[in-house]
Amino acid sequence: MPRDVEEQVVLSVQLVEQRLSLGDRVHEPRPIDQLAGFRTRKAAEAAADELVAAGYRIDGLYRRLLTVWLEFSAMTAVDSATAEAFTREVVGIVERHGGTYDGWGGFLVAADD
C-alpha cells in the first residue's frame, strides 16, 4: 500500500529507535539499501538516473510479476535527522516517477568492546 512521505518518515524514525535499542551506533556511516517499485521499466530507469545524480548507487533493476523493482544504496549514517533527510529525498524522487517507496535497511554497527 503506498504511503505518503510523512508516513515514511515516521517509519524511518521508528526504525532508528529500534536500531538504538539494539545498540546500533547510528551516527556511523554504513551501506544502506533501499527499494522502490514502479509500473514500467522506463519510470524506474528515470528514477534511477535521478538517484545517481543525487549520489546513490543502483544495485539492481528487475521485473517481478507486474512491478519493476529498483534497488539502490548509499553509504550513510542512520541517526534520526539523517534518516529523515534521505527518506524525504528518495521518496520525492520515487514519487516524481510514479513509483512506490518500500523502505530502507542495513547492518547494525555495534559498539567496540
C-alpha atoms as a PDB file:
ATOM      1  CA  MET A   1       0.000   0.000   0.000  1.00  0.00           C
ATOM      2  CA  PRO A   2       1.504   3.374  -0.972  1.00  0.00           C
ATOM      3  CA  ARG A   3       2.438   5.688   1.884  1.00  0.00           C
ATOM      4  CA  ASP A   4       2.998   9.420   1.760  1.00  0.00           C
ATOM      5  CA  VAL A   5       6.314  10.966   2.729  1.00  0.00           C
ATOM      6  CA  GLU A   6       5.206  11.801   6.279  1.00  0.00           C
ATOM      7  CA  GLU A   7       4.230   8.170   6.917  1.00  0.00           C
ATOM      8  CA  GLN A   8       7.593   7.049   5.525  1.00  0.00           C
ATOM      9  CA  VAL A   9       9.402   9.497   7.826  1.00  0.00           C
ATOM     10  CA  VAL A  10       7.522   8.092  10.839  1.00  0.00           C
ATOM     11  CA  LEU A  11       8.553   4.566   9.800  1.00  0.00           C
ATOM     12  CA  SER A  12      12.178   5.715   9.441  1.00  0.00           C
ATOM     13  CA  VAL A  13      12.178   7.267  12.913  1.00  0.00           C
ATOM     14  CA  GLN A  14      10.730   4.039  14.346  1.00  0.00           C
ATOM     15  CA  LEU A  15      13.448   2.050  12.592  1.00  0.00           C
ATOM     16  CA  VAL A  16      16.141   4.331  14.047  1.00  0.00           C
ATOM     17  CA  GLU A  17      14.656   3.904  17.540  1.00  0.00           C
ATOM     18  CA  GLN A  18      14.671   0.127  17.087  1.00  0.00           C
ATOM     19  CA  ARG A  19      18.306   0.237  15.980  1.00  0.00           C
ATOM     20  CA  LEU A  20      19.247   2.347  19.006  1.00  0.00           C
ATOM     21  CA  SER A  21      17.573  -0.187  21.312  1.00  0.00           C
ATOM     22  CA  LEU A  22      19.787  -2.866  19.745  1.00  0.00           C
ATOM     23  CA  GLY A  23      22.959  -0.862  20.416  1.00  0.00           C
ATOM     24  CA  ASP A  24      23.489   0.453  16.885  1.00  0.00           C
ATOM     25  CA  ARG A  25      25.930   3.346  16.576  1.00  0.00           C
ATOM     26  CA  VAL A  26      23.562   5.233  14.282  1.00  0.00           C
ATOM     27  CA  HIS A  27      25.977   8.122  13.623  1.00  0.00           C
ATOM     28  CA  GLU A  28      28.464   5.754  11.949  1.00  0.00           C
ATOM     29  CA  PRO A  29      28.172   5.550   8.132  1.00  0.00           C
ATOM     30  CA  ARG A  30      27.363   2.167   6.629  1.00  0.00           C
ATOM     31  CA  PRO A  31      25.820   0.884   3.367  1.00  0.00           C
ATOM     32  CA  ILE A  32      22.060   1.414   3.442  1.00  0.00           C
ATOM     33  CA  ASP A  33      19.952  -0.497   0.916  1.00  0.00           C
ATOM     34  CA  GLN A  34      16.681   0.949  -0.360  1.00  0.00           C
ATOM     35  CA  LEU A  35      13.920  -0.393  -2.593  1.00  0.00           C
ATOM     36  CA  ALA A  36      11.212   1.130  -4.769  1.00  0.00           C
ATOM     37  CA  GLY A  37       8.632  -0.360  -7.127  1.00  0.00           C
ATOM     38  CA  PHE A  38       7.421   1.023 -10.459  1.00  0.00           C
ATOM     39  CA  ARG A  39       4.862   0.042 -13.073  1.00  0.00           C
ATOM     40  CA  THR A  40       7.257   0.477 -16.008  1.00  0.00           C
ATOM     41  CA  ARG A  41      10.952  -0.009 -16.645  1.00  0.00           C
ATOM     42  CA  LYS A  42      11.090   3.462 -18.215  1.00  0.00           C
ATOM     43  CA  ALA A  43       9.851   5.075 -14.968  1.00  0.00           C
ATOM     44  CA  ALA A  44      12.289   3.020 -12.885  1.00  0.00           C
ATOM     45  CA  GLU A  45      15.192   3.993 -15.154  1.00  0.00           C
ATOM     46  CA  ALA A  46      14.246   7.685 -14.958  1.00  0.00           C
ATOM     47  CA  ALA A  47      14.168   7.469 -11.156  1.00  0.00           C
ATOM     48  CA  ALA A  48      17.497   5.614 -11.218  1.00  0.00           C
ATOM     49  CA  ASP A  49      19.089   8.432 -13.227  1.00  0.00           C
ATOM     50  CA  GLU A  50      17.872  10.991 -10.694  1.00  0.00           C
ATOM     51  CA  LEU A  51      19.024   8.844  -7.765  1.00  0.00           C
ATOM     52  CA  VAL A  52      22.508   8.502  -9.282  1.00  0.00           C
ATOM     53  CA  ALA A  53      22.656  12.282  -9.733  1.00  0.00           C
ATOM     54  CA  ALA A  54      21.765  12.590  -6.029  1.00  0.00           C
ATOM     55  CA  GLY A  55      24.676  10.314  -5.031  1.00  0.00           C
ATOM     56  CA  TYR A  56      23.034   6.885  -4.814  1.00  0.00           C
ATOM     57  CA  ARG A  57      24.329   3.680  -6.389  1.00  0.00           C
ATOM     58  CA  ILE A  58      21.984   1.494  -8.422  1.00  0.00           C
ATOM     59  CA  ASP A  59      22.287  -2.113  -7.255  1.00  0.00           C
ATOM     60  CA  GLY A  60      19.546  -3.785  -9.261  1.00  0.00           C
ATOM     61  CA  LEU A  61      16.649  -3.297 -11.626  1.00  0.00           C
ATOM     62  CA  TYR A  62      14.342  -6.241 -12.304  1.00  0.00           C
ATOM     63  CA  ARG A  63      10.735  -7.138 -13.007  1.00  0.00           C
ATOM     64  CA  ARG A  64       8.770  -9.426 -10.732  1.00  0.00           C
ATOM     65  CA  LEU A  65       5.171 -10.015 -11.806  1.00  0.00           C
ATOM     66  CA  LEU A  66       3.649  -6.576 -12.504  1.00  0.00           C
ATOM     67  CA  THR A  67       6.282  -4.494 -10.706  1.00  0.00           C
ATOM     68  CA  VAL A  68       9.700  -3.237 -11.779  1.00  0.00           C
ATOM     69  CA  TRP A  69      11.877  -3.132  -8.665  1.00  0.00           C
ATOM     70  CA  LEU A  70      14.736  -0.683  -8.278  1.00  0.00           C
ATOM     71  CA  GLU A  71      17.373  -1.445  -5.645  1.00  0.00           C
ATOM     72  CA  PHE A  72      19.711   1.385  -4.701  1.00  0.00           C
ATOM     73  CA  SER A  73      22.091   2.235  -1.869  1.00  0.00           C
ATOM     74  CA  ALA A  74      24.403   4.795  -0.319  1.00  0.00           C
ATOM     75  CA  MET A  75      26.951   4.992   2.483  1.00  0.00           C
ATOM     76  CA  THR A  76      25.265   6.981   5.232  1.00  0.00           C
ATOM     77  CA  ALA A  77      24.631   7.290   8.925  1.00  0.00           C
ATOM     78  CA  VAL A  78      21.134   6.410  10.144  1.00  0.00           C
ATOM     79  CA  ASP A  79      20.561   8.830  13.013  1.00  0.00           C
ATOM     80  CA  SER A  80      17.080  10.380  13.090  1.00  0.00           C
ATOM     81  CA  ALA A  81      17.984  13.596  11.247  1.00  0.00           C
ATOM     82  CA  THR A  82      19.958  11.828   8.516  1.00  0.00           C
ATOM     83  CA  ALA A  83      17.339   9.100   8.066  1.00  0.00           C
ATOM     84  CA  GLU A  84      14.584  11.701   7.806  1.00  0.00           C
ATOM     85  CA  ALA A  85      16.591  13.673   5.227  1.00  0.00           C
ATOM     86  CA  PHE A  86      17.361  10.711   2.967  1.00  0.00           C
ATOM     87  CA  THR A  87      13.817   9.381   3.325  1.00  0.00           C
ATOM     88  CA  ARG A  88      12.357  12.704   2.186  1.00  0.00           C
ATOM     89  CA  GLU A  89      14.864  12.887  -0.669  1.00  0.00           C
ATOM     90  CA  VAL A  90      14.299   9.403  -2.068  1.00  0.00           C
ATOM     91  CA  VAL A  91      10.517   9.369  -1.573  1.00  0.00           C
ATOM     92  CA  GLY A  92      10.361  12.631  -3.520  1.00  0.00           C
ATOM     93  CA  ILE A  93      12.388  11.165  -6.374  1.00  0.00           C
ATOM     94  CA  VAL A  94      10.447   7.897  -6.430  1.00  0.00           C
ATOM     95  CA  GLU A  95       7.062   9.622  -6.351  1.00  0.00           C
ATOM     96  CA  ARG A  96       8.052  12.040  -9.147  1.00  0.00           C
ATOM     97  CA  HIS A  97       8.411   8.985 -11.362  1.00  0.00           C
ATOM     98  CA  GLY A  98       5.183   7.300 -10.262  1.00  0.00           C
ATOM     99  CA  GLY A  99       6.842   4.754  -8.006  1.00  0.00           C
ATOM    100  CA  THR A 100       6.215   3.433  -4.522  1.00  0.00           C
ATOM    101  CA  TYR A 101       8.979   3.542  -1.913  1.00  0.00           C
ATOM    102  CA  ASP A 102       9.371   0.272   0.003  1.00  0.00           C
ATOM    103  CA  GLY A 103      11.858   1.407   2.646  1.00  0.00           C
ATOM    104  CA  TRP A 104      15.458   1.003   3.743  1.00  0.00           C
ATOM    105  CA  GLY A 105      17.643  -1.299   5.774  1.00  0.00           C
ATOM    106  CA  GLY A 106      21.217  -2.237   6.517  1.00  0.00           C
ATOM    107  CA  PHE A 107      23.602  -3.765   9.015  1.00  0.00           C
ATOM    108  CA  LEU A 108      23.888  -2.572  12.601  1.00  0.00           C
ATOM    109  CA  VAL A 109      27.189  -1.019  13.670  1.00  0.00           C
ATOM    110  CA  ALA A 110      27.931  -2.333  17.145  1.00  0.00           C
ATOM    111  CA  ALA A 111      29.967  -0.527  19.770  1.00  0.00           C
ATOM    112  CA  ASP A 112      33.609  -1.574  20.051  1.00  0.00           C
ATOM    113  CA  ASP A 113      34.139  -3.772  23.094  1.00  0.00           C
END
